[in-house]
Amino acid sequence: MSEHLLEVDNLNVYYGPAHILQGVTLRVSVEPLALLGRNGMGKTTLCQALMGLVPAASGSVRFDGIDLTGRKPYSIANRGIGYVPQGRRIFPSLSVHEHLRLVPSSRGPAIGSSPWTVDRVYDLFPRLKERRRNGASALSGGEQQMLAIGRALLTNPRLLIMDEPSEGLAPVIVEQLLDTLRHLSAEGLTILIVEQKLAVATAIAERLAIMVSGKIALETTSSAFTNDVDAQRRYLGVSPR
């Protein structure tokens, strides 16, 4: 059995003639991993490829030793990978409770002492319980993110992929989100967080992978990268304050 929960090898994805993912190789173990990069670097495409939402032209994705390459998204989710997509992708016409009831909680417990159920999601996010009858379109951005996370947790994943979770959220809400992710990580849930914001990524993960133009350009640690201003400028195009 591999020491890595997720193994991505030489993954290539095209959109028509455009070569989006160019030989991506990545390892995710038990500890959180943050994937950083500017807009248009291929981060979301990688998330979608891992979930079977876009086809791989070549390469492989293995999860817990099982080859998931070419499988349908529902099959990948059933293997234990949860996904919180960029923009949350909730259904405006459904209530909070209807969203959560849509996900069958049929898998055994993946982390913690009990499987994820609607009641356990409400315990994690009391605000969702307060707004259980509200339509999703009436929720704030932070509440929508709670709902998207809760929906993913109901699949009882071992790995949670989160694409730009802090996007559009106020700083105080981001801090609450980070507290939740740290709590889930401490319970044993492996997290792959995809971010543009260095501060958010490093608040969750000590291991970083930097994506540039569809390739993993650098793998490093949070402590090393935050102390390397030149690397931040080179790979992220930003100057830290």
C-alpha atoms as a PDB file:
ATOM      1  CA  MET A   1       0.000   0.000   0.000  1.00  0.00           C
ATOM      2  CA  SER A   2       1.313   3.431  -0.973  1.00  0.00           C
ATOM      3  CA  GLU A   3       2.105   5.995   1.690  1.00  0.00           C
ATOM      4  CA  HIS A   4       0.222   8.535  -0.442  1.00  0.00           C
ATOM      5  CA  LEU A   5      -3.563   8.779  -0.406  1.00  0.00           C
ATOM      6  CA  LEU A   6      -3.719  10.468  -3.834  1.00  0.00           C
ATOM      7  CA  GLU A   7      -1.187   9.891  -6.601  1.00  0.00           C
ATOM      8  CA  VAL A   8      -1.370  11.904  -9.822  1.00  0.00           C
ATOM      9  CA  ASP A   9       1.116  10.883 -12.519  1.00  0.00           C
ATOM     10  CA  ASN A  10       1.890  12.729 -15.753  1.00  0.00           C
ATOM     11  CA  LEU A  11      -1.705  13.948 -16.129  1.00  0.00           C
ATOM     12  CA  ASN A  12      -2.528  15.707 -19.403  1.00  0.00           C
ATOM     13  CA  VAL A  13      -5.817  17.424 -20.210  1.00  0.00           C
ATOM     14  CA  TYR A  14      -6.817  19.297 -23.363  1.00  0.00           C
ATOM     15  CA  TYR A  15      -9.678  21.648 -24.156  1.00  0.00           C
ATOM     16  CA  GLY A  16      -9.778  21.274 -27.905  1.00  0.00           C
ATOM     17  CA  PRO A  17      -6.269  22.116 -29.127  1.00  0.00           C
ATOM     18  CA  ALA A  18      -5.355  23.874 -25.874  1.00  0.00           C
ATOM     19  CA  HIS A  19      -3.039  21.803 -23.666  1.00  0.00           C
ATOM     20  CA  ILE A  20      -4.270  22.823 -20.196  1.00  0.00           C
ATOM     21  CA  LEU A  21      -2.656  20.287 -17.845  1.00  0.00           C
ATOM     22  CA  GLN A  22       0.848  19.436 -18.979  1.00  0.00           C
ATOM     23  CA  GLY A  23       2.210  16.356 -17.292  1.00  0.00           C
ATOM     24  CA  VAL A  24       0.996  17.138 -13.772  1.00  0.00           C
ATOM     25  CA  THR A  25       2.478  14.874 -11.109  1.00  0.00           C
ATOM     26  CA  LEU A  26       1.350  15.357  -7.528  1.00  0.00           C
ATOM     27  CA  ARG A  27       1.228  13.434  -4.261  1.00  0.00           C
ATOM     28  CA  VAL A  28      -1.209  14.009  -1.400  1.00  0.00           C
ATOM     29  CA  SER A  29      -0.611  12.180   1.871  1.00  0.00           C
ATOM     30  CA  VAL A  30      -2.509  12.501   5.142  1.00  0.00           C
ATOM     31  CA  GLU A  31      -1.420  16.052   5.903  1.00  0.00           C
ATOM     32  CA  PRO A  32      -3.103  18.970   4.066  1.00  0.00           C
ATOM     33  CA  LEU A  33      -1.683  20.169   0.750  1.00  0.00           C
ATOM     34  CA  ALA A  34      -2.267  23.621  -0.742  1.00  0.00           C
ATOM     35  CA  LEU A  35      -2.134  24.136  -4.505  1.00  0.00           C
ATOM     36  CA  LEU A  36      -1.322  27.754  -5.311  1.00  0.00           C
ATOM     37  CA  GLY A  37      -1.338  29.651  -8.579  1.00  0.00           C
ATOM     38  CA  ARG A  38      -2.613  32.685 -10.389  1.00  0.00           C
ATOM     39  CA  ASN A  39      -5.813  32.735 -12.473  1.00  0.00           C
ATOM     40  CA  GLY A  40      -5.706  30.651 -15.617  1.00  0.00           C
ATOM     41  CA  MET A  41      -2.916  28.331 -14.507  1.00  0.00           C
ATOM     42  CA  GLY A  42      -5.026  25.147 -14.655  1.00  0.00           C
ATOM     43  CA  LYS A  43      -5.904  24.681 -10.976  1.00  0.00           C
ATOM     44  CA  THR A  44      -9.657  24.284 -11.492  1.00  0.00           C
ATOM     45  CA  THR A  45      -9.087  21.982 -14.461  1.00  0.00           C
ATOM     46  CA  LEU A  46      -6.953  19.770 -12.220  1.00  0.00           C
ATOM     47  CA  CYS A  47      -9.751  19.624  -9.628  1.00  0.00           C
ATOM     48  CA  GLN A  48     -12.258  18.701 -12.320  1.00  0.00           C
ATOM     49  CA  ALA A  49      -9.933  16.066 -13.767  1.00  0.00           C
ATOM     50  CA  LEU A  50      -9.462  14.496 -10.335  1.00  0.00           C
ATOM     51  CA  MET A  51     -13.243  14.253  -9.988  1.00  0.00           C
ATOM     52  CA  GLY A  52     -13.772  12.842 -13.488  1.00  0.00           C
ATOM     53  CA  LEU A  53     -15.582  15.967 -14.677  1.00  0.00           C
ATOM     54  CA  VAL A  54     -13.143  16.460 -17.561  1.00  0.00           C
ATOM     55  CA  PRO A  55     -11.383  13.582 -19.339  1.00  0.00           C
ATOM     56  CA  ALA A  56      -7.650  13.007 -19.136  1.00  0.00           C
ATOM     57  CA  ALA A  57      -5.864  12.550 -22.454  1.00  0.00           C
ATOM     58  CA  SER A  58      -3.117  10.590 -20.692  1.00  0.00           C
ATOM     59  CA  GLY A  59      -1.660   9.974 -17.269  1.00  0.00           C
ATOM     60  CA  SER A  60      -3.270   8.454 -14.207  1.00  0.00           C
ATOM     61  CA  VAL A  61      -5.037   9.263 -10.939  1.00  0.00           C
ATOM     62  CA  ARG A  62      -4.818   6.735  -8.113  1.00  0.00           C
ATOM     63  CA  PHE A  63      -6.629   7.052  -4.801  1.00  0.00           C
ATOM     64  CA  ASP A  64      -5.751   4.745  -1.917  1.00  0.00           C
ATOM     65  CA  GLY A  65      -4.033   2.488  -4.431  1.00  0.00           C
ATOM     66  CA  ILE A  66      -7.052   2.276  -6.776  1.00  0.00           C
ATOM     67  CA  ASP A  67      -6.825   3.634 -10.333  1.00  0.00           C
ATOM     68  CA  LEU A  68      -9.629   6.166 -10.814  1.00  0.00           C
ATOM     69  CA  THR A  69      -8.595   7.310 -14.281  1.00  0.00           C
ATOM     70  CA  GLY A  70     -11.597   7.453 -16.597  1.00  0.00           C
ATOM     71  CA  ARG A  71     -14.177   6.722 -13.898  1.00  0.00           C
ATOM     72  CA  LYS A  72     -17.432   8.632 -13.600  1.00  0.00           C
ATOM     73  CA  PRO A  73     -17.714  11.399 -10.974  1.00  0.00           C
ATOM     74  CA  TYR A  74     -20.186   9.423  -8.838  1.00  0.00           C
ATOM     75  CA  SER A  75     -17.792   6.465  -8.764  1.00  0.00           C
ATOM     76  CA  ILE A  76     -14.933   8.721  -7.676  1.00  0.00           C
ATOM     77  CA  ALA A  77     -17.091  10.283  -4.957  1.00  0.00           C
ATOM     78  CA  ASN A  78     -18.097   6.823  -3.753  1.00  0.00           C
ATOM     79  CA  ARG A  79     -14.419   5.941  -3.358  1.00  0.00           C
ATOM     80  CA  GLY A  80     -14.046   8.727  -0.785  1.00  0.00           C
ATOM     81  CA  ILE A  81     -13.241  12.022  -2.510  1.00  0.00           C
ATOM     82  CA  GLY A  82     -15.410  15.026  -1.686  1.00  0.00           C
ATOM     83  CA  TYR A  83     -15.430  18.169  -3.822  1.00  0.00           C
ATOM     84  CA  VAL A  84     -16.327  21.777  -3.013  1.00  0.00           C
ATOM     85  CA  PRO A  85     -16.192  23.511  -6.404  1.00  0.00           C
ATOM     86  CA  GLN A  86     -15.242  27.096  -7.100  1.00  0.00           C
ATOM     87  CA  GLY A  87     -18.342  29.268  -6.795  1.00  0.00           C
ATOM     88  CA  ARG A  88     -20.073  26.681  -4.542  1.00  0.00           C
ATOM     89  CA  ARG A  89     -22.494  25.491  -7.300  1.00  0.00           C
ATOM     90  CA  ILE A  90     -25.571  25.340  -5.119  1.00  0.00           C
ATOM     91  CA  PHE A  91     -29.156  25.194  -6.433  1.00  0.00           C
ATOM     92  CA  PRO A  92     -30.933  28.553  -5.872  1.00  0.00           C
ATOM     93  CA  SER A  93     -34.422  27.000  -5.865  1.00  0.00           C
ATOM     94  CA  LEU A  94     -33.683  24.499  -3.081  1.00  0.00           C
ATOM     95  CA  SER A  95     -33.657  25.133   0.648  1.00  0.00           C
ATOM     96  CA  VAL A  96     -30.670  24.403   2.861  1.00  0.00           C
ATOM     97  CA  HIS A  97     -32.310  21.243   4.179  1.00  0.00           C
ATOM     98  CA  GLU A  98     -33.316  20.068   0.714  1.00  0.00           C
ATOM     99  CA  HIS A  99     -29.699  20.412  -0.427  1.00  0.00           C
ATOM    100  CA  LEU A 100     -28.461  18.256   2.410  1.00  0.00           C
ATOM    101  CA  ARG A 101     -31.211  15.669   2.031  1.00  0.00           C
ATOM    102  CA  LEU A 102     -30.222  15.184  -1.626  1.00  0.00           C
ATOM    103  CA  VAL A 103     -26.982  13.453  -0.595  1.00  0.00           C
ATOM    104  CA  PRO A 104     -27.441   9.835   0.498  1.00  0.00           C
ATOM    105  CA  SER A 105     -25.382   9.095   3.626  1.00  0.00           C
ATOM    106  CA  SER A 106     -24.790   5.446   2.795  1.00  0.00           C
ATOM    107  CA  ARG A 107     -21.020   5.146   3.255  1.00  0.00           C
ATOM    108  CA  GLY A 108     -19.435   4.126   6.532  1.00  0.00           C
ATOM    109  CA  PRO A 109     -17.641   6.627   8.760  1.00  0.00           C
ATOM    110  CA  ALA A 110     -14.531   8.057   7.153  1.00  0.00           C
ATOM    111  CA  ILE A 111     -13.289  10.358   9.890  1.00  0.00           C
ATOM    112  CA  GLY A 112     -14.211  10.975  13.501  1.00  0.00           C
ATOM    113  CA  SER A 113     -16.292   8.637  15.602  1.00  0.00           C
ATOM    114  CA  SER A 114     -19.423   8.637  13.452  1.00  0.00           C
ATOM    115  CA  PRO A 115     -20.440   9.064   9.820  1.00  0.00           C
ATOM    116  CA  TRP A 116     -21.525  12.425   8.502  1.00  0.00           C
ATOM    117  CA  THR A 117     -25.277  12.960   8.663  1.00  0.00           C
ATOM    118  CA  VAL A 118     -27.461  16.011   8.200  1.00  0.00           C
ATOM    119  CA  ASP A 119     -27.626  16.444  11.990  1.00  0.00           C
ATOM    120  CA  ARG A 120     -23.848  16.267  12.272  1.00  0.00           C
ATOM    121  CA  VAL A 121     -23.524  18.929   9.546  1.00  0.00           C
ATOM    122  CA  TYR A 122     -25.915  21.122  11.539  1.00  0.00           C
ATOM    123  CA  ASP A 123     -23.771  20.575  14.620  1.00  0.00           C
ATOM    124  CA  LEU A 124     -20.718  21.722  12.662  1.00  0.00           C
ATOM    125  CA  PHE A 125     -22.562  24.696  11.145  1.00  0.00           C
ATOM    126  CA  PRO A 126     -25.290  25.875  13.570  1.00  0.00           C
ATOM    127  CA  ARG A 127     -26.032  28.788  11.236  1.00  0.00           C
ATOM    128  CA  LEU A 128     -27.219  26.329   8.589  1.00  0.00           C
ATOM    129  CA  LYS A 129     -29.618  24.773  11.079  1.00  0.00           C
ATOM    130  CA  GLU A 130     -31.033  28.224  11.825  1.00  0.00           C
ATOM    131  CA  ARG A 131     -31.563  28.774   8.097  1.00  0.00           C
ATOM    132  CA  ARG A 132     -32.555  25.234   7.165  1.00  0.00           C
ATOM    133  CA  ARG A 133     -35.827  26.358   5.539  1.00  0.00           C
ATOM    134  CA  ASN A 134     -34.289  29.278   3.659  1.00  0.00           C
ATOM    135  CA  GLY A 135     -33.677  29.088  -0.058  1.00  0.00           C
ATOM    136  CA  ALA A 136     -30.026  28.847  -1.005  1.00  0.00           C
ATOM    137  CA  SER A 137     -30.262  32.043  -3.041  1.00  0.00           C
ATOM    138  CA  ALA A 138     -31.070  33.933   0.176  1.00  0.00           C
ATOM    139  CA  LEU A 139     -27.878  32.816   1.914  1.00  0.00           C
ATOM    140  CA  SER A 140     -24.802  34.949   2.329  1.00  0.00           C
ATOM    141  CA  GLY A 141     -21.570  33.926   0.632  1.00  0.00           C
ATOM    142  CA  GLY A 142     -20.267  32.438   3.864  1.00  0.00           C
ATOM    143  CA  GLU A 143     -23.469  30.485   4.445  1.00  0.00           C
ATOM    144  CA  GLN A 144     -23.352  29.178   0.887  1.00  0.00           C
ATOM    145  CA  GLN A 145     -19.796  27.975   1.486  1.00  0.00           C
ATOM    146  CA  MET A 146     -20.913  26.221   4.677  1.00  0.00           C
ATOM    147  CA  LEU A 147     -23.646  24.524   2.669  1.00  0.00           C
ATOM    148  CA  ALA A 148     -21.222  23.439  -0.055  1.00  0.00           C
ATOM    149  CA  ILE A 149     -18.849  21.994   2.548  1.00  0.00           C
ATOM    150  CA  GLY A 150     -21.677  20.261   4.381  1.00  0.00           C
ATOM    151  CA  ARG A 151     -22.940  18.729   1.153  1.00  0.00           C
ATOM    152  CA  ALA A 152     -19.452  17.365   0.400  1.00  0.00           C
ATOM    153  CA  LEU A 153     -19.010  16.001   3.929  1.00  0.00           C
ATOM    154  CA  LEU A 154     -22.216  13.979   3.612  1.00  0.00           C
ATOM    155  CA  THR A 155     -20.411  11.732   1.126  1.00  0.00           C
ATOM    156  CA  ASN A 156     -18.133  10.808   4.062  1.00  0.00           C
ATOM    157  CA  PRO A 157     -14.903  11.542   2.191  1.00  0.00           C
ATOM    158  CA  ARG A 158     -11.357  10.692   3.183  1.00  0.00           C
ATOM    159  CA  LEU A 159     -10.067  13.484   0.930  1.00  0.00           C
ATOM    160  CA  LEU A 160     -11.772  16.864   0.549  1.00  0.00           C
ATOM    161  CA  ILE A 161     -10.853  18.965  -2.499  1.00  0.00           C
ATOM    162  CA  MET A 162     -11.695  22.644  -2.087  1.00  0.00           C
ATOM    163  CA  ASP A 163     -11.380  24.989  -5.065  1.00  0.00           C
ATOM    164  CA  GLU A 164     -10.917  28.666  -4.099  1.00  0.00           C
ATOM    165  CA  PRO A 165     -12.913  28.376  -0.851  1.00  0.00           C
ATOM    166  CA  SER A 166     -12.133  31.959   0.270  1.00  0.00           C
ATOM    167  CA  GLU A 167     -13.285  33.561  -2.983  1.00  0.00           C
ATOM    168  CA  GLY A 168     -15.693  36.440  -2.378  1.00  0.00           C
ATOM    169  CA  LEU A 169     -15.763  36.062   1.397  1.00  0.00           C
ATOM    170  CA  ALA A 170     -15.141  38.780   3.982  1.00  0.00           C
ATOM    171  CA  PRO A 171     -11.970  38.362   6.071  1.00  0.00           C
ATOM    172  CA  VAL A 172     -13.895  37.486   9.242  1.00  0.00           C
ATOM    173  CA  ILE A 173     -15.782  34.748   7.371  1.00  0.00           C
ATOM    174  CA  VAL A 174     -12.520  33.445   5.925  1.00  0.00           C
ATOM    175  CA  GLU A 175     -11.155  33.076   9.467  1.00  0.00           C
ATOM    176  CA  GLN A 176     -14.224  31.081  10.478  1.00  0.00           C
ATOM    177  CA  LEU A 177     -13.782  28.899   7.397  1.00  0.00           C
ATOM    178  CA  LEU A 178     -10.137  28.286   8.273  1.00  0.00           C
ATOM    179  CA  ASP A 179     -11.091  27.296  11.821  1.00  0.00           C
ATOM    180  CA  THR A 180     -13.541  24.748  10.388  1.00  0.00           C
ATOM    181  CA  LEU A 181     -10.950  23.302   8.000  1.00  0.00           C
ATOM    182  CA  ARG A 182      -8.363  23.014  10.754  1.00  0.00           C
ATOM    183  CA  HIS A 183     -10.940  21.194  12.889  1.00  0.00           C
ATOM    184  CA  LEU A 184     -11.731  18.762  10.076  1.00  0.00           C
ATOM    185  CA  SER A 185      -8.044  18.170   9.433  1.00  0.00           C
ATOM    186  CA  ALA A 186      -7.446  17.463  13.116  1.00  0.00           C
ATOM    187  CA  GLU A 187     -10.218  14.836  12.961  1.00  0.00           C
ATOM    188  CA  GLY A 188      -8.310  13.037  10.207  1.00  0.00           C
ATOM    189  CA  LEU A 189      -9.794  14.404   6.984  1.00  0.00           C
ATOM    190  CA  THR A 190      -7.161  14.997   4.306  1.00  0.00           C
ATOM    191  CA  ILE A 191      -7.587  18.372   2.598  1.00  0.00           C
ATOM    192  CA  LEU A 192      -6.393  19.542  -0.814  1.00  0.00           C
ATOM    193  CA  ILE A 193      -7.033  23.281  -0.852  1.00  0.00           C
ATOM    194  CA  VAL A 194      -6.694  25.188  -4.124  1.00  0.00           C
ATOM    195  CA  GLU A 195      -6.090  28.890  -3.613  1.00  0.00           C
ATOM    196  CA  GLN A 196      -4.728  32.121  -5.024  1.00  0.00           C
ATOM    197  CA  LYS A 197      -4.283  33.685  -1.600  1.00  0.00           C
ATOM    198  CA  LEU A 198      -1.008  32.724   0.035  1.00  0.00           C
ATOM    199  CA  ALA A 199      -2.202  33.608   3.547  1.00  0.00           C
ATOM    200  CA  VAL A 200      -5.202  31.272   3.259  1.00  0.00           C
ATOM    201  CA  ALA A 201      -3.151  28.420   1.830  1.00  0.00           C
ATOM    202  CA  THR A 202      -0.437  28.634   4.472  1.00  0.00           C
ATOM    203  CA  ALA A 203      -3.005  28.844   7.284  1.00  0.00           C
ATOM    204  CA  ILE A 204      -4.129  25.324   6.381  1.00  0.00           C
ATOM    205  CA  ALA A 205      -1.177  23.506   4.861  1.00  0.00           C
ATOM    206  CA  GLU A 206       2.545  23.264   5.535  1.00  0.00           C
ATOM    207  CA  ARG A 207       3.068  21.584   2.155  1.00  0.00           C
ATOM    208  CA  LEU A 208       2.635  23.754  -0.944  1.00  0.00           C
ATOM    209  CA  ALA A 209       2.586  23.019  -4.658  1.00  0.00           C
ATOM    210  CA  ILE A 210       2.763  25.936  -7.097  1.00  0.00           C
ATOM    211  CA  MET A 211       1.101  25.621 -10.510  1.00  0.00           C
ATOM    212  CA  VAL A 212       2.280  27.694 -13.466  1.00  0.00           C
ATOM    213  CA  SER A 213       0.867  27.272 -16.992  1.00  0.00           C
ATOM    214  CA  GLY A 214      -0.545  23.817 -16.368  1.00  0.00           C
ATOM    215  CA  LYS A 215       2.541  22.401 -14.658  1.00  0.00           C
ATOM    216  CA  ILE A 216       3.665  21.939 -11.081  1.00  0.00           C
ATOM    217  CA  ALA A 217       6.523  24.425 -11.052  1.00  0.00           C
ATOM    218  CA  LEU A 218       7.539  24.121  -7.411  1.00  0.00           C
ATOM    219  CA  GLU A 219       6.887  21.981  -4.350  1.00  0.00           C
ATOM    220  CA  THR A 220       7.952  23.519  -1.079  1.00  0.00           C
ATOM    221  CA  THR A 221       6.864  24.271   2.485  1.00  0.00           C
ATOM    222  CA  SER A 222       4.775  27.148   3.771  1.00  0.00           C
ATOM    223  CA  SER A 223       7.583  28.384   5.983  1.00  0.00           C
ATOM    224  CA  ALA A 224      10.133  28.366   3.155  1.00  0.00           C
ATOM    225  CA  PHE A 225       7.821  30.026   0.636  1.00  0.00           C
ATOM    226  CA  THR A 226       6.573  32.777   2.945  1.00  0.00           C
ATOM    227  CA  ASN A 227      10.176  33.717   3.640  1.00  0.00           C
ATOM    228  CA  ASP A 228      11.143  33.765  -0.051  1.00  0.00           C
ATOM    229  CA  VAL A 229       9.941  37.048  -1.531  1.00  0.00           C
ATOM    230  CA  ASP A 230      11.632  36.375  -4.868  1.00  0.00           C
ATOM    231  CA  ALA A 231       9.807  33.044  -5.248  1.00  0.00           C
ATOM    232  CA  GLN A 232       6.484  34.702  -4.477  1.00  0.00           C
ATOM    233  CA  ARG A 233       7.088  37.297  -7.174  1.00  0.00           C
ATOM    234  CA  ARG A 234       8.283  34.675  -9.657  1.00  0.00           C
ATOM    235  CA  TYR A 235       5.483  32.150  -9.218  1.00  0.00           C
ATOM    236  CA  LEU A 236       2.532  34.207  -7.992  1.00  0.00           C
ATOM    237  CA  GLY A 237       3.367  37.605  -9.458  1.00  0.00           C
ATOM    238  CA  VAL A 238       2.706  39.395  -6.191  1.00  0.00           C
ATOM    239  CA  SER A 239       4.765  41.411  -3.769  1.00  0.00           C
ATOM    240  CA  PRO A 240       3.906  40.612  -0.155  1.00  0.00           C
ATOM    241  CA  ARG A 241       3.171  43.493   2.151  1.00  0.00           C
END
